[in-house]
Protein backbone atom coordinates (compact mmCIF):
# COMPACT_ATOMS: atom_id res chain seq x y z
CA MET A 1 27.53 2.96 -16.67
CA LYS A 2 24.63 3.85 -13.88
CA ILE A 3 22.30 1.06 -12.62
CA VAL A 4 19.70 1.63 -10.70
CA ALA A 5 17.53 -0.61 -8.30
CA ALA A 6 14.11 0.08 -7.77
CA ILE A 7 12.33 -2.82 -6.92
CA ASP A 8 9.23 -3.15 -4.36
CA SER A 9 9.65 -5.38 -1.74
CA PHE A 10 8.33 -9.17 -2.20
CA LYS A 11 5.71 -9.44 0.18
CA GLY A 12 6.57 -11.83 3.33
CA SER A 13 10.31 -12.64 1.82
CA ALA A 14 12.46 -9.39 1.42
CA THR A 15 12.15 -5.12 1.59
CA SER A 16 13.00 -3.49 -1.00
CA GLU A 17 15.97 -2.38 -0.01
CA GLU A 18 17.44 -6.28 0.14
CA LEU A 19 16.20 -6.99 -2.98
CA ASN A 20 18.12 -3.50 -4.65
CA ASP A 21 21.48 -4.39 -2.68
CA ALA A 22 21.40 -7.65 -3.91
CA VAL A 23 20.96 -7.13 -7.67
CA LEU A 24 23.90 -4.21 -7.11
CA LYS A 25 26.01 -7.06 -6.11
CA GLY A 26 25.65 -8.64 -9.16
CA PHE A 27 27.17 -5.98 -11.19
CA PRO A 28 30.41 -4.72 -11.34
CA ASP A 29 32.52 -2.72 -8.67
CA TYR A 30 33.32 -0.31 -11.46
CA ALA A 31 29.74 0.71 -12.12
CA ASP A 32 27.57 3.58 -10.50
CA LYS A 33 25.43 1.71 -8.34
CA ILE A 34 22.49 3.69 -6.77
CA ASN A 35 20.17 1.34 -4.45
CA LEU A 36 16.83 3.14 -4.55
CA PRO A 37 14.36 1.63 -2.42
CA ILE A 38 10.53 2.14 -3.90
CA ALA A 39 7.06 1.03 -3.04
CA ASP A 40 3.50 1.77 -3.98
CA GLY A 41 1.06 2.27 -1.23
CA GLY A 42 1.25 -0.81 0.56
CA GLU A 43 4.00 -2.91 2.43
CA GLY A 44 7.63 -1.03 2.58
CA THR A 45 5.83 2.73 1.67
CA MET A 46 7.58 4.16 5.32
CA ALA A 47 10.92 2.46 4.43
CA ALA A 48 10.98 3.99 1.12
CA ILE A 49 10.49 7.59 2.02
CA HIS A 50 12.74 6.80 5.08
CA ALA A 51 15.38 5.70 2.83
CA SER A 52 14.70 9.58 0.76
CA LEU A 53 14.07 11.73 3.29
CA GLY A 54 14.92 10.42 6.77
CA GLY A 55 12.97 11.22 9.47
CA GLU A 56 12.06 9.42 13.13
CA TYR A 57 9.74 6.25 13.73
CA ILE A 58 6.98 7.38 16.38
CA GLU A 59 5.80 4.40 18.54
CA VAL A 60 2.19 4.32 19.29
CA SER A 61 0.17 1.78 21.54
CA THR A 62 -3.16 1.71 19.27
CA GLN A 63 -4.81 -2.16 18.56
CA ASP A 64 -5.60 -4.32 16.00
CA PRO A 65 -8.68 -5.29 14.08
CA LEU A 66 -9.68 -7.48 16.81
CA GLY A 67 -9.41 -4.97 19.55
CA LYS A 68 -5.75 -6.19 21.13
CA VAL A 69 -3.80 -3.64 21.68
CA ILE A 70 -0.41 -3.58 19.95
CA THR A 71 2.50 -1.22 19.39
CA ALA A 72 2.89 0.01 15.43
CA HIS A 73 4.93 2.69 14.28
CA PHE A 74 4.38 5.54 11.55
CA LEU A 75 7.01 8.12 10.17
CA LEU A 76 7.59 11.49 11.08
CA THR A 77 9.45 13.36 8.22
CA MET A 78 9.46 16.75 6.34
CA PHE A 79 8.76 17.15 2.77
CA LYS A 80 8.95 20.65 1.26
CA GLY A 81 9.08 22.39 4.37
CA ARG A 82 6.17 20.43 5.68
CA ASN A 83 5.88 17.97 8.66
CA ILE A 84 4.31 14.96 7.05
CA ALA A 85 3.16 11.67 8.85
CA VAL A 86 3.59 8.08 6.81
CA ILE A 87 0.80 5.54 8.28
CA GLU A 88 1.10 2.15 6.55
CA SER A 89 -2.56 0.70 7.53
CA ALA A 90 -1.46 -2.74 7.15
CA THR A 91 0.88 -2.57 9.86
CA VAL A 92 -2.20 -1.82 12.21
CA ILE A 93 -4.97 -3.53 10.88
CA GLY A 94 -3.72 -6.10 8.30
CA MET A 95 -4.73 -8.96 7.14
CA ASP A 96 -1.32 -10.57 8.65
CA LEU A 97 -2.03 -9.58 12.35
CA VAL A 98 -5.61 -11.87 12.31
CA GLU A 99 -7.28 -15.34 10.53
CA GLN A 100 -9.34 -14.49 7.63
CA THR A 101 -12.66 -16.15 8.79
CA ASP A 102 -16.07 -15.13 8.63
CA ASP A 103 -16.02 -14.72 12.27
CA THR A 104 -13.27 -11.98 11.64
CA THR A 105 -15.08 -9.98 9.49
CA LEU A 106 -18.06 -9.73 11.81
CA ASN A 107 -15.94 -8.20 14.14
CA ALA A 108 -13.14 -6.36 12.98
CA SER A 109 -12.70 -2.77 13.47
CA SER A 110 -10.58 -0.34 11.35
CA PHE A 111 -10.51 1.86 14.99
CA GLY A 112 -6.57 1.42 15.91
CA LEU A 113 -5.82 3.41 12.33
CA GLY A 114 -7.53 6.40 13.82
CA ILE A 115 -5.82 6.12 16.74
CA MET A 116 -2.39 6.21 14.73
CA VAL A 117 -3.68 9.71 12.98
CA LEU A 118 -4.79 11.24 16.67
CA ALA A 119 -0.64 10.34 17.20
CA ALA A 120 -0.06 11.99 14.57
CA LEU A 121 -1.88 15.38 15.14
CA LYS A 122 -0.40 15.53 18.15
CA ARG A 123 3.01 15.70 16.22
CA ASN A 124 1.76 19.10 14.85
CA VAL A 125 2.03 17.73 11.08
CA GLN A 126 0.43 19.72 7.77
CA LYS A 127 -0.21 16.31 6.06
CA ILE A 128 -0.82 12.82 6.82
CA TYR A 129 -0.14 9.44 4.11
CA LEU A 130 -2.38 6.70 5.04
CA THR A 131 -1.84 3.78 2.87
CA LEU A 132 -4.90 1.84 2.01
CA GLY A 133 -3.19 -2.11 1.29
CA GLY A 134 -3.44 -5.05 2.70
CA THR A 135 -6.00 -4.62 5.33
CA ALA A 136 -8.36 -7.01 7.13
CA THR A 137 -11.33 -4.76 7.93
CA SER A 138 -14.78 -4.60 5.83
CA ASP A 139 -15.92 -1.84 8.20
CA GLY A 140 -16.63 0.98 5.95
CA GLY A 141 -13.85 2.79 7.71
CA LEU A 142 -16.52 3.73 10.26
CA GLY A 143 -14.17 2.30 12.88
CA PHE A 144 -11.69 4.88 11.78
CA LEU A 145 -14.23 7.79 11.95
CA GLN A 146 -15.43 6.83 15.30
CA ALA A 147 -11.68 7.01 16.34
CA ILE A 148 -11.38 10.85 14.72
CA GLY A 149 -14.50 11.70 16.60
CA ALA A 150 -17.40 10.75 14.12
CA THR A 151 -20.19 10.08 16.56
CA LEU A 152 -22.40 6.69 15.94
CA GLN A 153 -25.64 6.22 16.82
CA PRO A 154 -26.90 4.00 18.38
CA ASN A 155 -23.64 4.54 20.77
CA GLN A 156 -22.22 0.89 21.05
CA PRO A 157 -18.74 -0.01 22.49
CA LYS A 158 -16.24 0.17 20.51
CA ARG A 159 -15.69 -3.65 19.79
CA GLY A 160 -17.05 -5.51 16.78
CA ASN A 161 -18.05 -4.48 12.87
CA PRO A 162 -19.42 -1.21 13.58
CA LEU A 163 -20.81 -1.46 9.56
CA LEU A 164 -23.30 -4.09 11.51
CA TRP A 165 -24.87 -1.72 14.16
CA VAL A 166 -24.34 1.68 13.21
CA ASP A 167 -27.39 3.70 11.88
CA THR A 168 -26.48 7.08 11.59
CA VAL A 169 -23.07 8.97 11.44
CA ASP A 170 -22.48 12.55 12.92
CA LEU A 171 -19.30 13.79 10.97
CA THR A 172 -20.06 17.21 12.80
CA THR A 173 -18.13 15.96 15.92
CA LEU A 174 -14.87 14.97 13.90
CA ASP A 175 -11.70 16.11 15.26
CA PRO A 176 -11.34 19.69 14.49
CA ARG A 177 -7.72 19.67 14.25
CA LEU A 178 -8.55 17.52 11.08
CA SER A 179 -9.83 20.91 9.02
CA GLU A 180 -5.98 22.41 9.46
CA ILE A 181 -4.21 19.40 7.31
CA ASP A 182 -4.44 17.44 4.44
CA MET A 183 -5.58 13.77 4.87
CA ILE A 184 -4.41 11.47 1.91
CA GLY A 185 -5.06 7.76 1.30
CA LEU A 186 -3.17 5.90 -1.06
CA ALA A 187 -4.71 3.73 -3.11
CA ASP A 188 -4.37 1.68 -6.35
CA VAL A 189 -7.80 0.78 -6.76
CA THR A 190 -10.86 2.22 -8.11
CA ASN A 191 -13.26 0.20 -6.54
CA PRO A 192 -16.49 2.33 -5.23
CA TYR A 193 -18.07 1.91 -1.65
CA THR A 194 -20.92 -0.26 -2.66
CA GLY A 195 -22.31 -2.63 -5.57
CA GLU A 196 -20.88 -5.20 -7.38
CA ASN A 197 -17.38 -3.53 -7.28
CA GLY A 198 -17.96 -2.57 -3.85
CA PHE A 199 -15.81 -3.19 -1.18
CA ALA A 200 -17.73 -6.10 0.11
CA HIS A 201 -18.34 -8.06 -2.70
CA ILE A 202 -14.85 -7.66 -4.51
CA PHE A 203 -12.38 -7.86 -1.11
CA GLY A 204 -14.48 -9.74 1.03
CA PRO A 205 -14.23 -13.08 0.22
CA GLN A 206 -10.26 -12.05 0.25
CA LYS A 207 -10.61 -11.97 4.21
CA GLY A 208 -13.03 -14.94 4.92
CA ALA A 209 -16.54 -12.86 4.70
CA SER A 210 -19.32 -15.50 3.63
CA ALA A 211 -21.29 -14.89 0.78
CA GLU A 212 -24.52 -13.83 3.68
CA THR A 213 -22.26 -11.57 5.18
CA ILE A 214 -21.06 -10.16 2.34
CA GLN A 215 -24.87 -9.46 1.58
CA GLN A 216 -25.01 -7.97 4.87
CA LEU A 217 -22.16 -5.52 4.39
CA ASP A 218 -22.77 -4.41 1.21
CA GLN A 219 -26.53 -3.76 2.00
CA ARG A 220 -25.68 -1.83 5.57
CA ALA A 221 -23.25 0.73 3.21
CA VAL A 222 -26.18 1.48 0.84
CA ASP A 223 -28.28 2.13 3.84
CA LEU A 224 -25.07 4.22 5.13
CA MET A 225 -25.07 6.14 2.17
CA ASN A 226 -28.68 6.94 1.87
CA GLN A 227 -28.43 8.63 5.28
CA LEU A 228 -25.95 10.94 4.45
CA PRO A 229 -26.54 14.58 3.32
CA GLN A 230 -26.74 14.31 -0.96
CA ALA A 231 -22.86 16.00 -1.00
CA ARG A 232 -21.48 13.19 1.42
CA LYS A 233 -23.03 10.69 -0.71
CA LYS A 234 -21.72 11.40 -3.81
CA LEU A 235 -18.21 11.30 -2.15
CA LEU A 236 -18.90 7.37 -1.17
CA LEU A 237 -19.65 6.84 -5.68
CA LYS A 238 -16.42 7.97 -6.14
CA ASN A 239 -13.65 5.61 -7.94
CA GLY A 240 -11.28 4.31 -4.96
CA SER A 241 -13.58 5.06 -1.93
CA GLY A 242 -14.10 0.88 -1.63
CA ALA A 243 -10.34 0.66 -1.04
CA ALA A 244 -9.12 -0.92 2.05
CA GLY A 245 -12.75 -2.71 3.21
CA GLY A 246 -13.99 1.06 2.54
CA MET A 247 -11.40 3.01 4.26
CA GLY A 248 -10.66 5.37 0.88
CA GLY A 249 -14.92 6.17 1.78
CA ALA A 250 -13.88 7.34 5.13
CA ILE A 251 -10.91 9.59 3.91
CA LEU A 252 -13.30 11.00 1.89
CA LEU A 253 -16.19 11.38 4.43
CA ALA A 254 -13.53 13.06 6.60
CA ASP A 255 -12.95 15.86 3.99
CA GLY A 256 -9.30 14.08 3.10
CA ARG A 257 -8.50 13.10 -0.43
CA LEU A 258 -7.31 9.83 -2.68
CA GLN A 259 -4.44 9.39 -4.74
CA ALA A 260 -2.40 6.57 -6.77
CA GLY A 261 0.26 5.42 -4.53
CA PHE A 262 3.23 4.72 -6.90
CA GLU A 263 3.05 8.17 -8.27
CA THR A 264 2.52 10.20 -4.86
CA ILE A 265 5.48 8.07 -3.40
CA ALA A 266 7.72 8.69 -6.63
CA ASP A 267 7.10 12.38 -6.37
CA ILE A 268 7.76 12.18 -2.67
CA ILE A 269 11.35 10.60 -3.23
CA GLY A 270 11.75 12.36 -6.63
CA PHE A 271 11.95 9.30 -8.17
CA LYS A 272 12.25 10.80 -11.46
CA GLU A 273 14.83 13.19 -10.97
CA LYS A 274 17.21 10.10 -9.30
CA ILE A 275 17.23 8.08 -12.14
CA THR A 276 17.73 10.52 -15.25
CA GLN A 277 21.41 9.97 -15.70
CA ALA A 278 20.94 6.20 -15.28
CA ASP A 279 21.82 3.77 -18.53
CA PHE A 280 19.54 1.07 -17.00
CA VAL A 281 17.15 0.54 -14.40
CA ILE A 282 16.13 -2.67 -12.61
CA THR A 283 12.84 -2.93 -10.96
CA GLY A 284 10.05 -5.70 -9.89
CA GLU A 285 7.69 -7.16 -7.39
CA GLY A 286 6.70 -10.51 -6.21
CA LYS A 287 4.58 -11.58 -9.20
CA ILE A 288 4.05 -9.68 -12.49
CA ASP A 289 1.09 -10.61 -13.79
CA GLN A 290 -1.77 -8.27 -15.55
CA GLN A 291 -2.49 -6.58 -12.59
CA THR A 292 1.12 -5.16 -12.78
CA ALA A 293 -0.40 -2.12 -15.08
CA HIS A 294 -2.64 -1.06 -12.92
CA GLY A 295 -0.39 1.18 -10.57
CA LYS A 296 2.06 -1.05 -9.34
CA VAL A 297 5.76 -0.30 -8.74
CA PRO A 298 7.77 -2.02 -11.94
CA PHE A 299 4.62 -0.76 -14.20
CA GLY A 300 5.51 3.01 -12.80
CA VAL A 301 9.03 3.06 -13.03
CA ALA A 302 9.09 1.58 -16.29
CA THR A 303 6.61 4.55 -17.24
CA ILE A 304 9.17 6.98 -16.18
CA ALA A 305 11.88 5.29 -16.94
CA ASN A 306 10.49 4.82 -21.12
CA ASP A 307 9.72 8.53 -21.26
CA LEU A 308 13.41 9.34 -20.41
CA GLY A 309 14.51 6.35 -22.91
CA ILE A 310 16.31 4.65 -20.05
CA PRO A 311 16.34 0.51 -20.67
CA VAL A 312 14.15 -1.57 -17.85
CA ILE A 313 14.52 -4.78 -16.53
CA ALA A 314 12.09 -6.35 -14.49
CA LEU A 315 12.52 -9.18 -11.89
CA CYS A 316 10.15 -11.10 -9.77
CA GLY A 317 9.33 -14.15 -7.78
CA SER A 318 6.76 -15.11 -10.43
CA ARG A 319 5.44 -14.32 -13.48
CA GLN A 320 2.10 -14.70 -16.07
CA THR A 321 2.51 -15.84 -19.59
CA ASP A 322 0.72 -12.61 -19.96
CA ILE A 323 1.86 -9.60 -18.59
CA GLY A 324 0.28 -7.01 -20.65
CA GLU A 325 2.11 -3.64 -20.75
CA MET A 326 4.59 -4.72 -19.05
CA ASP A 327 5.75 -6.65 -22.04
CA ARG A 328 6.38 -3.90 -24.24
CA LEU A 329 7.54 -1.43 -21.47
CA ALA A 330 10.34 -3.59 -20.25
CA MET A 331 13.33 -5.05 -22.16
CA ALA A 332 12.93 -8.43 -20.21
CA VAL A 333 10.46 -9.59 -18.01
CA LEU A 334 12.85 -12.48 -15.64
CA SER A 335 11.82 -15.01 -12.99
CA ILE A 336 14.46 -15.14 -10.44
CA GLN A 337 13.50 -18.92 -9.67
CA GLN A 338 16.82 -21.00 -10.83
CA GLY A 339 14.20 -24.29 -11.06
CA PRO A 340 11.05 -25.91 -9.91
CA ILE A 341 10.48 -24.56 -6.54
CA THR A 342 7.69 -24.79 -4.06
CA LEU A 343 6.00 -21.98 -3.05
CA GLU A 344 7.46 -22.09 0.72
CA GLN A 345 10.89 -22.07 -0.77
CA ALA A 346 9.93 -19.56 -3.31
CA MET A 347 9.19 -16.99 0.13
CA ASP A 348 12.36 -18.12 2.01
CA HIS A 349 14.60 -14.82 2.68
CA GLN A 350 17.61 -15.91 1.84
CA ARG A 351 17.03 -18.03 -1.20
CA THR A 352 14.85 -15.24 -2.46
CA LEU A 353 18.01 -13.09 -1.77
CA ASP A 354 20.53 -15.30 -3.53
CA ASN A 355 18.35 -15.78 -6.21
CA THR A 356 18.04 -12.37 -7.08
CA TYR A 357 21.99 -11.96 -6.78
CA LEU A 358 22.23 -14.95 -9.30
CA THR A 359 19.66 -13.63 -11.88
CA ALA A 360 21.43 -10.13 -11.58
CA ARG A 361 24.52 -11.27 -12.20
CA ALA A 362 23.55 -12.98 -15.43
CA ILE A 363 22.14 -9.69 -16.83
CA ALA A 364 25.42 -8.21 -15.99
CA GLY A 365 27.38 -10.40 -17.68
CA ILE A 366 25.21 -9.97 -20.74
CA ILE A 367 25.64 -5.96 -20.33
CA PHE A 368 29.52 -6.12 -19.03
CA GLY A 369 30.46 -9.49 -20.30
CA ARG A 370 31.65 -12.10 -18.28
CA GLN A 371 33.05 -11.09 -14.98
CA LYS A 372 35.94 -13.09 -13.37
């Protein structure tokens, strides 16, 4: 019997590869077991692609959201005969790098992410994938655009949230090498750039922004849209342009594209082909709830497996009672917790792996019979 483990990382707790390994250890040695790291465009995307394609991690000196010099990495690999770079935005401008406060929102810039793109361009890549989850910035992607060559007026120092001081953006000065490559943002949100569902109103509160700052950012984003030529303005009305504090819109303005994270990664790693002969697929993520069906790993895995007629079981650290479509797609959705537990305990790395193993062992007992 062939068992495939394809679980998304439990953020802040365990990686996809570690969780898959814990699951597969719970199954008997005579089973055909495949560890298939997976991601949906958030944390763990580089690792998932590296596990399938190999490649090299390139070290870059860049800056965090508040301008502090940091070292970050991107993945340089080959896909269908082309050099590609995979950059996780959260490793450069992520929420875990700074405190989520109103002051941070007023000063955070996505400039450091642009530095990563320039570093990738030096490696003669033909395609750059940017994951857009977990960012701390709400600058409409203007810092990113500035780093890759756009001219922002008035000409201010490369500090603070540029959305609060920019009046006009000249995109004709963008690095000409960008016209020779594909730049793709991976996002699973459909928010527009401005308005009630725009980046300021929807994601600002998560990043510590006050109600006053949220209103100010949204108005400044509207002002920015209105000074752009009509064709460019339309780009900021597209679904997903509000992803990552407006980074989705910045990628579009730089003639890039937006794609669904899981679907893109599944294609890159050949996910469907790798599970075709499986008898069971075990998937999961840290929390399974109604949001899971909006492009998250368990939903994507279960959808593909269902199309192939392969049973799916999903594991998680926590689950809601109402999990939407996952109730239909999965044979079972199980929490790995063995009893009442605090959030801090549930996030413990070793406890997570131990509980994952115990849950998988119980599943294996049902499938294969009790193991001695």
